[in-house]
Amino acid sequence: MKSKKQNSESLVDVRNRLAKPSMLKDLSDSDMVVSNGPLNTVVTDLITDSRRVTPGSAFFAIPGQRTDGNNYLEEAISRGAKTIISNQKNEDLPLGVTAIHTKDPRLALAKFAKKHNGSPDKSLNIIGVTGTNGKTTVTALARHFLERPGRPVGLIGTVKYHLGDRDVPSFKTTPEASDIYPLLKSMLAAGCSEAVMEVSSHGIHQNRVAGLDMEVAVFLNLTRDHLDYHGNMENYFREKRKIFNGENGRLPKVAVINADCPYGRRLMDELPPYVHILSFGEHERSTFRARNISLSSVGSEFILDGPFGSTVVSSPLLGRYNVMNILAAFSIVHALGMPVSNAIHKISSFSGVDGRMEMVDRGQGYKVVVDYAHTPDALRNALSMLRECTNGKLHLVFGCGGDRDKGKRLEMTKVACAGADRVWATSDNPRTESQGNIFNDMRKGISKSSKVYFVDDRRRAISMALDSAGNEDCVLIAGKGHETFQEVQYTAIPFDDRTVAGELLSAKQLTD
């Protein structure tokens, strides 16, 4: 399969095109009504936070869960905003300030951002990866497989943003459209031909990726998460589906879909016939199929059946779910018209992803693993995988976040009790909710035969789990992975599971 996008522009051409100033009249469209003010003004920036407005900015007054941007128009104008985009008409703004009325300011932001940044998505092969679990690993794998000398691959994800010539810290899995397009613009200017990005259900619902031109859209799985936001699994699925069926404003050229997931098979059946589908999994419908899977403490091995025939694949990644992640990444490579054989050869050099089954080793006689698993399914997978390669007992430290899907707490506790020998329930990101309330919900999932220790302080819980571990045991510290902070009452408190576990292990070695 051949990619449709062939970037023939030189870097000079790209930079010249992307550097052109934006005129308001060129950014707005028929869905937006000008209440008052001129259209022949230069737009310097697109801003959703009034505190970040600079002279010449267009300010988008977006109604949010906590506050409404319409409450900050005066501040935005005082800082130099020359354009206000709102779901209100705002006909009495100061002279020289243009008011644009639109039903959906977020959708308007996506349209503005694309035009303002020179539509970099038209020149990049963008791979959007969505799913409850596995997005970070699959995007990292795909980038690793696709990169070649002199041809960097961009990445937008949970852990970091890779812009081709530098890395920047990630501030949101799927950023706002006003951030996505500048990131893509930087990638293009750095010589990238491809960009892989994680696409969250929140990002889809809030139109952050509306109209984004994706060459490949990838569906990994759908299990319980974010139901506090979406309400039910059907709504959750429908949001994911939007980037595959055109409801997002663009159809992908290729849809890569997990045929093992019931929602994946449903998606395959519901897509328009002109969307090319590549499927993966163990299911007989899979284009890329794994069979004879062998799992061990050092990785996995399986027979890969694909359009090119069959071959044996050996991977250092642990667990059956990582076999699925590898298949998804192979499918992406094939969708872009590149040989999968090259990816197979490169898999042994993949170093993994921060906070995903990351080992903490200070010379102790047992395994300590930090993982981002924060959904029932992800936790079940992590425990199952570690059980297969642990000779001794399996100890678990986990928590449930505050201000999120409360029904998930019971389910995660059930998974914890079923999969681990000893469990320490502790804080995760309590946010604005009391830890006591979170614990009360978690206790509903405890089986009669299970003993769960509830410890408010996460550091102490980790310490207690390490103290209980013996030779050949394994301690899984789940939920936060790569995160370096805890969210408490709108405050980010420094906390890194990997650092804390390392410090505690080193201290225990000194006292032994």
Protein backbone atom coordinates (compact mmCIF):
# COMPACT_ATOMS: atom_id res chain seq x y z
CA MET A 1 0.00 0.00 0.00
CA LYS A 2 1.34 3.41 -0.95
CA SER A 3 0.95 6.52 1.14
CA LYS A 4 -1.02 9.29 -0.52
CA LYS A 5 1.16 12.05 0.84
CA GLN A 6 4.48 12.59 -0.79
CA ASN A 7 6.23 15.56 0.79
CA SER A 8 8.10 17.13 -2.10
CA GLU A 9 8.51 20.54 -0.49
CA SER A 10 11.96 21.67 0.52
CA LEU A 11 12.49 22.85 4.08
CA VAL A 12 12.79 26.42 2.76
CA ASP A 13 9.45 26.10 0.94
CA VAL A 14 7.82 24.64 4.04
CA ARG A 15 9.13 27.38 6.31
CA ASN A 16 8.08 30.12 3.89
CA ARG A 17 4.59 28.70 3.54
CA LEU A 18 4.10 28.23 7.25
CA ALA A 19 5.44 31.67 8.09
CA LYS A 20 2.76 33.57 6.16
CA PRO A 21 0.73 35.92 8.40
CA SER A 22 -2.91 35.01 9.06
CA MET A 23 -5.69 37.40 8.16
CA LEU A 24 -8.93 37.08 10.09
CA LYS A 25 -10.97 37.10 6.85
CA ASP A 26 -9.05 33.99 5.70
CA LEU A 27 -9.57 32.09 8.96
CA SER A 28 -13.32 32.48 9.50
CA ASP A 29 -15.94 30.58 7.46
CA SER A 30 -19.67 30.47 6.78
CA ASP A 31 -20.45 28.80 10.12
CA MET A 32 -19.25 31.92 11.92
CA VAL A 33 -21.20 35.22 12.04
CA VAL A 34 -19.35 38.52 12.45
CA SER A 35 -21.30 40.56 14.99
CA ASN A 36 -19.16 43.66 14.65
CA GLY A 37 -15.64 44.81 13.88
CA PRO A 38 -13.20 44.53 10.95
CA LEU A 39 -12.05 41.36 9.18
CA ASN A 40 -8.92 42.89 7.67
CA THR A 41 -6.81 42.35 10.77
CA VAL A 42 -3.78 40.18 11.33
CA VAL A 43 -4.18 37.35 13.84
CA THR A 44 -0.98 36.74 15.77
CA ASP A 45 -2.06 33.83 17.97
CA LEU A 46 -5.03 31.65 18.98
CA ILE A 47 -5.64 31.63 22.73
CA THR A 48 -8.15 29.90 25.05
CA ASP A 49 -6.69 31.19 28.34
CA SER A 50 -7.13 34.93 28.87
CA ARG A 51 -3.95 35.03 30.95
CA ARG A 52 -1.91 34.03 27.87
CA VAL A 53 -3.33 36.69 25.53
CA THR A 54 -0.81 38.93 23.77
CA PRO A 55 -1.49 41.89 21.42
CA GLY A 56 -3.21 40.74 18.24
CA SER A 57 -4.45 37.42 19.66
CA ALA A 58 -7.78 35.83 18.80
CA PHE A 59 -9.44 34.77 22.07
CA PHE A 60 -11.75 31.76 22.04
CA ALA A 61 -14.28 31.95 24.87
CA ILE A 62 -14.80 28.24 25.50
CA PRO A 63 -17.37 27.04 28.06
CA GLY A 64 -15.58 24.50 30.26
CA GLN A 65 -16.38 22.12 33.11
CA ARG A 66 -14.97 24.49 35.72
CA THR A 67 -15.37 27.93 34.16
CA ASP A 68 -16.66 29.75 31.08
CA GLY A 69 -14.30 31.71 28.84
CA ASN A 70 -17.06 34.28 28.33
CA ASN A 71 -16.39 35.47 31.88
CA TYR A 72 -12.92 36.63 30.87
CA LEU A 73 -13.56 38.75 27.78
CA GLU A 74 -12.66 41.98 29.53
CA GLU A 75 -9.29 40.59 30.65
CA ALA A 76 -8.55 39.20 27.19
CA ILE A 77 -9.30 42.55 25.53
CA SER A 78 -7.27 44.46 28.12
CA ARG A 79 -4.26 42.25 27.25
CA GLY A 80 -4.59 43.01 23.54
CA ALA A 81 -7.03 40.53 22.02
CA LYS A 82 -8.33 41.91 18.71
CA THR A 83 -10.79 39.10 17.97
CA ILE A 84 -13.32 37.39 20.25
CA ILE A 85 -14.84 34.06 19.15
CA SER A 86 -17.76 33.05 21.34
CA ASN A 87 -21.14 31.31 21.47
CA GLN A 88 -22.50 34.72 22.48
CA LYS A 89 -22.96 37.65 20.06
CA ASN A 90 -20.98 40.28 22.04
CA GLU A 91 -22.18 43.23 19.95
CA ASP A 92 -20.87 45.93 22.31
CA LEU A 93 -17.12 45.30 22.27
CA PRO A 94 -14.62 48.21 22.14
CA LEU A 95 -13.77 49.80 18.80
CA GLY A 96 -11.23 47.78 16.83
CA VAL A 97 -12.19 44.44 18.42
CA THR A 98 -13.99 42.00 16.15
CA ALA A 99 -16.68 39.72 17.57
CA ILE A 100 -17.39 36.40 15.86
CA HIS A 101 -20.40 34.37 16.93
CA THR A 102 -20.42 30.60 16.46
CA LYS A 103 -22.40 27.71 17.92
CA ASP A 104 -19.25 25.73 18.82
CA PRO A 105 -16.13 27.77 19.73
CA ARG A 106 -14.06 24.57 20.04
CA LEU A 107 -14.89 23.57 16.48
CA ALA A 108 -14.08 27.10 15.37
CA LEU A 109 -10.74 26.82 17.19
CA ALA A 110 -9.89 23.64 15.26
CA LYS A 111 -10.72 25.32 11.94
CA PHE A 112 -8.80 28.49 12.80
CA ALA A 113 -5.79 26.53 14.08
CA LYS A 114 -5.50 24.48 10.91
CA LYS A 115 -5.59 27.53 8.62
CA HIS A 116 -3.49 29.73 10.91
CA ASN A 117 -0.68 27.16 10.92
CA GLY A 118 -0.71 26.50 7.18
CA SER A 119 -2.48 23.10 7.31
CA PRO A 120 0.64 21.04 8.15
CA ASP A 121 -1.53 17.90 8.30
CA LYS A 122 -1.84 18.02 4.51
CA SER A 123 1.90 17.39 4.15
CA LEU A 124 2.37 14.87 6.96
CA ASN A 125 1.30 11.26 7.13
CA ILE A 126 -0.54 11.43 10.46
CA ILE A 127 -1.33 8.23 12.33
CA GLY A 128 -3.98 8.70 15.03
CA VAL A 129 -4.11 5.94 17.66
CA THR A 130 -7.12 5.58 19.95
CA GLY A 131 -8.16 2.96 22.51
CA THR A 132 -8.57 2.57 26.25
CA ASN A 133 -5.22 0.86 26.71
CA GLY A 134 -1.97 0.67 24.74
CA LYS A 135 -1.91 4.04 22.95
CA THR A 136 1.44 5.13 24.38
CA THR A 137 3.21 1.86 23.61
CA VAL A 138 1.79 1.58 20.08
CA THR A 139 2.70 5.16 19.14
CA ALA A 140 6.22 4.67 20.51
CA LEU A 141 6.58 1.37 18.62
CA ALA A 142 5.30 2.90 15.40
CA ARG A 143 7.72 5.80 15.67
CA HIS A 144 10.59 3.38 16.33
CA PHE A 145 9.67 1.27 13.30
CA LEU A 146 9.07 4.19 10.93
CA GLU A 147 12.15 6.30 11.67
CA ARG A 148 15.10 5.96 9.33
CA PRO A 149 18.34 7.95 8.89
CA GLY A 150 17.56 11.55 8.02
CA ARG A 151 13.78 11.01 8.30
CA PRO A 152 12.60 11.66 11.87
CA VAL A 153 9.06 10.80 12.95
CA GLY A 154 7.04 13.15 15.15
CA LEU A 155 5.05 11.99 18.17
CA ILE A 156 2.28 13.53 20.30
CA GLY A 157 1.46 11.48 23.36
CA THR A 158 1.04 11.06 27.08
CA VAL A 159 4.73 10.88 27.99
CA LYS A 160 6.27 13.47 25.64
CA TYR A 161 6.03 15.32 22.33
CA HIS A 162 8.82 14.49 19.88
CA LEU A 163 9.14 17.25 17.27
CA GLY A 164 11.74 15.62 15.05
CA ASP A 165 14.71 17.61 16.28
CA ARG A 166 13.84 17.86 19.99
CA ASP A 167 11.60 16.53 22.75
CA VAL A 168 9.27 18.65 24.88
CA PRO A 169 7.32 17.55 27.98
CA SER A 170 3.76 16.43 27.38
CA PHE A 171 1.06 18.51 29.05
CA LYS A 172 -1.98 16.60 27.73
CA THR A 173 -2.42 13.28 25.91
CA THR A 174 -4.30 15.00 23.07
CA PRO A 175 -3.67 18.74 23.32
CA GLU A 176 -5.98 21.53 22.16
CA ALA A 177 -6.14 22.16 18.42
CA SER A 178 -4.31 25.44 19.01
CA ASP A 179 -1.38 23.36 20.31
CA ILE A 180 -1.64 20.37 17.94
CA TYR A 181 -1.10 22.33 14.75
CA PRO A 182 1.96 24.27 15.95
CA LEU A 183 3.44 20.92 17.06
CA LEU A 184 2.77 19.45 13.59
CA LYS A 185 4.17 22.60 12.01
CA SER A 186 7.40 22.18 14.01
CA MET A 187 7.63 18.53 12.96
CA LEU A 188 7.23 19.41 9.30
CA ALA A 189 9.85 22.15 9.53
CA ALA A 190 12.22 19.64 11.18
CA GLY A 191 11.93 17.30 8.19
CA CYS A 192 9.33 14.82 9.46
CA SER A 193 7.21 12.94 6.92
CA GLU A 194 5.14 11.06 9.52
CA ALA A 195 3.65 11.90 12.88
CA VAL A 196 2.02 9.46 15.30
CA MET A 197 -0.32 10.74 17.97
CA GLU A 198 -2.49 9.45 20.76
CA VAL A 199 -6.12 10.42 20.29
CA SER A 200 -8.21 10.38 23.45
CA SER A 201 -12.00 10.19 23.60
CA HIS A 202 -12.03 13.56 25.37
CA GLY A 203 -9.95 15.01 22.53
CA ILE A 204 -12.43 13.70 19.96
CA HIS A 205 -15.53 14.86 21.86
CA GLN A 206 -14.07 18.33 22.44
CA ASN A 207 -13.21 18.76 18.75
CA ARG A 208 -9.46 18.99 19.39
CA VAL A 209 -8.84 16.79 16.34
CA ALA A 210 -11.86 17.89 14.29
CA GLY A 211 -10.91 18.12 10.62
CA LEU A 212 -7.43 16.69 11.21
CA ASP A 213 -6.27 14.85 8.09
CA MET A 214 -5.24 11.38 9.27
CA GLU A 215 -3.65 8.98 6.87
CA VAL A 216 -4.19 6.08 9.29
CA ALA A 217 -6.61 5.78 12.21
CA VAL A 218 -5.98 2.96 14.71
CA PHE A 219 -8.49 1.34 17.08
CA LEU A 220 -6.80 -0.71 19.82
CA ASN A 221 -9.56 -1.71 22.25
CA LEU A 222 -12.43 -0.40 24.34
CA THR A 223 -12.86 -1.26 28.01
CA ARG A 224 -14.32 0.63 30.95
CA ASP A 225 -12.87 4.09 31.52
CA HIS A 226 -14.05 7.72 31.51
CA LEU A 227 -17.71 6.81 32.12
CA ASP A 228 -17.96 9.80 34.45
CA TYR A 229 -17.53 11.85 31.28
CA HIS A 230 -19.23 9.77 28.58
CA GLY A 231 -22.01 8.26 30.70
CA ASN A 232 -21.97 4.76 29.24
CA MET A 233 -19.94 2.45 26.98
CA GLU A 234 -22.11 3.18 23.93
CA ASN A 235 -21.35 6.90 24.08
CA TYR A 236 -17.69 6.10 24.71
CA PHE A 237 -17.59 3.91 21.60
CA ARG A 238 -19.39 6.48 19.45
CA GLU A 239 -16.76 9.10 20.28
CA LYS A 240 -13.95 6.74 19.25
CA ARG A 241 -15.83 5.87 16.05
CA LYS A 242 -15.89 9.49 14.86
CA ILE A 243 -12.28 9.46 13.61
CA PHE A 244 -13.03 6.40 11.47
CA ASN A 245 -16.43 7.13 9.86
CA GLY A 246 -16.06 10.78 8.88
CA GLU A 247 -18.04 12.34 11.76
CA ASN A 248 -14.79 14.01 12.78
CA GLY A 249 -14.72 15.93 9.50
CA ARG A 250 -12.21 13.68 7.70
CA LEU A 251 -12.06 10.04 6.68
CA PRO A 252 -8.79 8.17 7.18
CA LYS A 253 -7.35 6.45 4.16
CA VAL A 254 -6.70 3.31 6.23
CA ALA A 255 -8.37 2.04 9.42
CA VAL A 256 -6.28 -0.32 11.57
CA ILE A 257 -8.59 -2.23 13.93
CA ASN A 258 -8.24 -4.86 16.67
CA ALA A 259 -10.32 -7.82 15.50
CA ASP A 260 -10.09 -9.49 18.94
CA CYS A 261 -12.11 -6.68 20.54
CA PRO A 262 -15.93 -6.94 20.14
CA TYR A 263 -16.12 -3.19 19.65
CA GLY A 264 -13.37 -3.48 17.03
CA ARG A 265 -15.35 -6.05 15.04
CA ARG A 266 -18.44 -3.85 15.31
CA LEU A 267 -16.43 -0.90 14.02
CA MET A 268 -15.21 -2.98 11.07
CA ASP A 269 -18.82 -3.83 10.18
CA GLU A 270 -20.02 -0.20 10.47
CA LEU A 271 -17.34 1.59 8.43
CA PRO A 272 -18.04 2.92 4.93
CA PRO A 273 -16.88 0.51 2.18
CA TYR A 274 -14.40 3.02 0.78
CA VAL A 275 -12.30 3.01 3.99
CA HIS A 276 -9.56 0.41 3.65
CA ILE A 277 -9.42 -1.84 6.75
CA LEU A 278 -6.39 -3.63 8.13
CA SER A 279 -7.16 -5.79 11.16
CA PHE A 280 -4.93 -7.44 13.73
CA GLY A 281 -5.17 -9.96 16.58
CA GLU A 282 -5.61 -13.69 17.06
CA HIS A 283 -9.06 -13.63 15.46
CA GLU A 284 -9.54 -15.33 12.09
CA ARG A 285 -10.59 -11.98 10.57
CA SER A 286 -7.15 -10.49 11.27
CA THR A 287 -4.98 -9.23 8.42
CA PHE A 288 -2.02 -9.47 10.79
CA ARG A 289 -2.55 -12.54 12.93
CA ALA A 290 -0.48 -13.90 15.81
CA ARG A 291 -0.55 -17.62 16.59
CA ASN A 292 1.46 -20.05 18.68
CA ILE A 293 2.19 -17.26 21.17
CA SER A 294 4.86 -18.16 23.71
CA LEU A 295 5.30 -15.87 26.72
CA SER A 296 8.22 -15.78 29.15
CA SER A 297 9.91 -13.53 31.70
CA VAL A 298 12.20 -12.15 28.97
CA GLY A 299 9.63 -11.41 26.28
CA SER A 300 7.44 -13.20 23.76
CA GLU A 301 7.64 -15.19 20.57
CA PHE A 302 4.91 -15.89 18.03
CA ILE A 303 4.22 -16.77 14.42
CA LEU A 304 3.03 -13.78 12.41
CA ASP A 305 0.68 -14.39 9.49
CA GLY A 306 0.33 -11.41 7.18
CA PRO A 307 -0.13 -10.33 3.56
CA PHE A 308 3.50 -11.26 2.93
CA GLY A 309 3.24 -14.80 4.35
CA SER A 310 4.36 -16.16 7.73
CA THR A 311 7.39 -15.49 9.90
CA VAL A 312 8.55 -15.90 13.49
CA VAL A 313 8.69 -12.75 15.64
CA SER A 314 10.68 -12.47 18.87
CA SER A 315 10.12 -9.48 21.12
CA PRO A 316 11.61 -8.27 24.42
CA LEU A 317 8.21 -6.85 25.42
CA LEU A 318 6.36 -8.78 28.10
CA GLY A 319 2.79 -10.04 28.01
CA ARG A 320 0.10 -11.04 25.54
CA TYR A 321 -1.26 -7.49 25.34
CA ASN A 322 2.12 -6.32 24.05
CA VAL A 323 1.87 -8.90 21.27
CA MET A 324 -1.32 -7.05 20.26
CA ASN A 325 0.49 -3.72 20.48
CA ILE A 326 3.22 -5.05 18.20
CA LEU A 327 0.65 -6.28 15.67
CA ALA A 328 -0.98 -2.84 15.66
CA ALA A 329 2.39 -1.18 14.98
CA PHE A 330 3.16 -3.68 12.18
CA SER A 331 -0.22 -2.83 10.63
CA ILE A 332 0.63 0.89 10.71
CA VAL A 333 3.93 0.23 8.92
CA HIS A 334 2.13 -1.78 6.24
CA ALA A 335 -0.59 0.87 5.86
CA LEU A 336 2.09 3.42 4.98
CA GLY A 337 3.54 1.21 2.27
CA MET A 338 6.71 0.26 4.13
CA PRO A 339 8.11 -3.28 4.50
CA VAL A 340 7.08 -4.97 7.74
CA SER A 341 10.28 -7.04 7.59
CA ASN A 342 12.25 -3.92 8.54
CA ALA A 343 10.04 -3.43 11.60
CA ILE A 344 10.50 -7.06 12.62
CA HIS A 345 14.27 -6.60 12.54
CA LYS A 346 14.02 -3.40 14.60
CA ILE A 347 11.83 -4.76 17.39
CA SER A 348 14.77 -6.13 19.41
CA SER A 349 16.17 -2.59 19.76
CA PHE A 350 12.97 -1.10 21.15
CA SER A 351 13.77 0.04 24.68
CA GLY A 352 10.19 0.34 25.90
CA VAL A 353 8.20 3.29 27.23
CA ASP A 354 8.71 5.20 30.47
CA GLY A 355 6.39 3.93 33.18
CA ARG A 356 5.16 0.94 31.19
CA MET A 357 6.32 -2.28 32.89
CA GLU A 358 9.42 -0.38 33.96
CA MET A 359 11.71 -2.33 36.27
CA VAL A 360 13.26 -0.72 39.36
CA ASP A 361 16.40 -2.64 40.26
CA ARG A 362 18.64 -1.83 43.21
CA GLY A 363 20.06 -5.33 43.60
CA GLN A 364 17.11 -6.69 45.58
CA GLY A 365 16.18 -10.37 45.27
CA TYR A 366 12.71 -9.70 43.86
CA LYS A 367 11.18 -7.77 40.96
CA VAL A 368 9.77 -4.27 41.39
CA VAL A 369 7.70 -3.04 38.45
CA VAL A 370 6.08 0.37 37.85
CA ASP A 371 3.21 0.51 35.37
CA TYR A 372 0.62 3.03 34.24
CA ALA A 373 -2.26 0.52 34.53
CA HIS A 374 -5.18 2.63 35.74
CA THR A 375 -8.20 0.83 34.29
CA PRO A 376 -9.64 -2.56 35.32
CA ASP A 377 -8.59 -4.17 32.04
CA ALA A 378 -5.07 -2.72 32.07
CA LEU A 379 -4.58 -3.80 35.70
CA ARG A 380 -5.89 -7.29 34.92
CA ASN A 381 -3.47 -7.59 32.00
CA ALA A 382 -0.51 -6.39 34.05
CA LEU A 383 -1.22 -8.78 36.93
CA SER A 384 -1.82 -11.70 34.59
CA MET A 385 1.42 -11.10 32.74
CA LEU A 386 3.46 -10.77 35.94
CA ARG A 387 1.81 -13.87 37.42
CA GLU A 388 3.09 -15.91 34.47
CA CYS A 389 6.70 -14.91 35.10
CA THR A 390 6.76 -14.78 38.93
CA ASN A 391 7.77 -17.83 40.92
CA GLY A 392 6.92 -16.31 44.29
CA LYS A 393 4.11 -14.07 45.54
CA LEU A 394 2.67 -11.11 43.65
CA HIS A 395 2.25 -7.90 45.68
CA LEU A 396 0.23 -4.94 44.40
CA VAL A 397 0.17 -1.23 45.27
CA PHE A 398 -2.62 0.65 43.51
CA GLY A 399 -5.11 3.47 43.92
CA CYS A 400 -8.08 5.08 42.19
CA GLY A 401 -8.26 8.69 41.09
CA GLY A 402 -10.62 11.25 42.54
CA ASP A 403 -13.28 13.18 40.58
CA ARG A 404 -13.47 10.40 37.99
CA ASP A 405 -15.60 7.34 37.16
CA LYS A 406 -16.56 6.06 40.65
CA GLY A 407 -17.88 2.76 39.31
CA LYS A 408 -14.37 1.89 38.16
CA ARG A 409 -13.12 1.80 41.76
CA LEU A 410 -15.11 -1.29 42.69
CA GLU A 411 -14.05 -3.04 39.47
CA MET A 412 -10.36 -2.26 39.95
CA THR A 413 -10.47 -3.55 43.52
CA LYS A 414 -12.09 -6.78 42.34
CA VAL A 415 -9.30 -7.19 39.77
CA ALA A 416 -6.66 -6.44 42.43
CA CYS A 417 -8.06 -9.02 44.86
CA ALA A 418 -8.36 -11.67 42.16
CA GLY A 419 -4.92 -11.12 40.65
CA ALA A 420 -2.56 -10.35 43.54
CA ASP A 421 -1.56 -12.24 46.67
CA ARG A 422 -1.30 -9.09 48.79
CA VAL A 423 -2.82 -5.71 48.06
CA TRP A 424 -2.09 -2.20 49.35
CA ALA A 425 -4.75 0.32 48.38
CA THR A 426 -3.50 3.87 48.52
CA SER A 427 -3.82 7.33 47.03
CA ASP A 428 -3.44 7.93 43.30
CA ASN A 429 -4.53 11.40 42.17
CA PRO A 430 -7.27 12.30 44.66
CA ARG A 431 -7.75 15.71 43.03
CA THR A 432 -10.54 17.49 44.95
CA GLU A 433 -12.11 14.34 46.46
CA SER A 434 -11.39 13.05 49.94
CA GLN A 435 -9.30 9.89 50.13
CA GLY A 436 -11.85 8.48 52.57
CA ASN A 437 -14.62 8.64 49.98
CA ILE A 438 -12.41 6.96 47.39
CA PHE A 439 -11.51 4.18 49.84
CA ASN A 440 -15.20 3.62 50.70
CA ASP A 441 -15.96 2.99 47.02
CA MET A 442 -12.95 0.70 46.67
CA ARG A 443 -13.96 -1.39 49.69
CA LYS A 444 -17.14 -2.44 47.86
CA GLY A 445 -14.98 -4.56 45.57
CA ILE A 446 -13.21 -6.58 48.28
CA SER A 447 -13.97 -10.30 48.30
CA LYS A 448 -14.49 -12.03 51.64
CA SER A 449 -11.34 -14.10 51.29
CA SER A 450 -9.11 -11.15 50.38
CA LYS A 451 -7.14 -8.94 52.72
CA VAL A 452 -6.48 -5.42 51.50
CA TYR A 453 -4.43 -2.87 53.44
CA PHE A 454 -5.67 0.72 53.07
CA VAL A 455 -2.85 3.24 53.47
CA ASP A 456 -3.42 6.95 52.75
CA ASP A 457 0.24 7.76 52.20
CA ARG A 458 1.44 6.33 48.88
CA ARG A 459 5.12 6.34 49.86
CA ARG A 460 4.33 4.37 53.04
CA ALA A 461 2.19 1.90 51.07
CA ILE A 462 5.07 1.27 48.65
CA SER A 463 7.46 0.84 51.59
CA MET A 464 5.16 -1.70 53.25
CA ALA A 465 4.81 -3.69 50.02
CA LEU A 466 8.60 -3.77 49.57
CA ASP A 467 9.03 -4.88 53.19
CA SER A 468 6.68 -7.80 52.63
CA ALA A 469 8.41 -9.07 49.47
CA GLY A 470 10.77 -12.01 49.57
CA ASN A 471 13.10 -13.61 47.08
CA GLU A 472 11.45 -14.47 43.75
CA ASP A 473 8.41 -12.30 44.61
CA CYS A 474 7.20 -9.38 42.50
CA VAL A 475 5.88 -5.96 43.57
CA LEU A 476 3.71 -4.12 41.05
CA ILE A 477 3.21 -0.39 41.69
CA ALA A 478 0.33 0.52 39.41
CA GLY A 479 -1.60 3.55 38.29
CA LYS A 480 0.83 6.40 37.76
CA GLY A 481 3.62 5.02 35.60
CA HIS A 482 5.59 7.90 34.07
CA GLU A 483 3.81 10.59 36.09
CA THR A 484 6.02 12.68 38.35
CA PHE A 485 3.33 14.25 40.52
CA GLN A 486 0.12 13.70 42.44
CA GLU A 487 -2.91 15.97 41.93
CA VAL A 488 -4.31 17.16 45.26
CA GLN A 489 -6.75 20.09 45.48
CA TYR A 490 -5.64 21.62 42.16
CA THR A 491 -2.00 21.31 43.25
CA ALA A 492 0.63 19.12 41.60
CA ILE A 493 2.73 17.56 44.37
CA PRO A 494 6.03 15.98 43.20
CA PHE A 495 5.81 12.18 43.36
CA ASP A 496 7.40 9.61 41.06
CA ASP A 497 6.75 5.91 41.80
CA ARG A 498 10.05 4.93 40.16
CA THR A 499 12.09 7.42 42.18
CA VAL A 500 10.32 6.62 45.45
CA ALA A 501 10.71 2.86 44.97
CA GLY A 502 14.40 3.31 44.10
CA GLU A 503 15.03 5.45 47.19
CA LEU A 504 13.25 3.00 49.47
CA LEU A 505 15.07 0.00 48.02
CA SER A 506 18.45 1.71 48.42
CA ALA A 507 17.66 2.65 52.02
CA LYS A 508 16.52 -0.88 52.85
CA GLN A 509 19.75 -2.29 51.45
CA LEU A 510 21.71 -0.07 53.85
CA THR A 511 19.75 -1.29 56.87
CA ASP A 512 19.80 -5.00 55.98
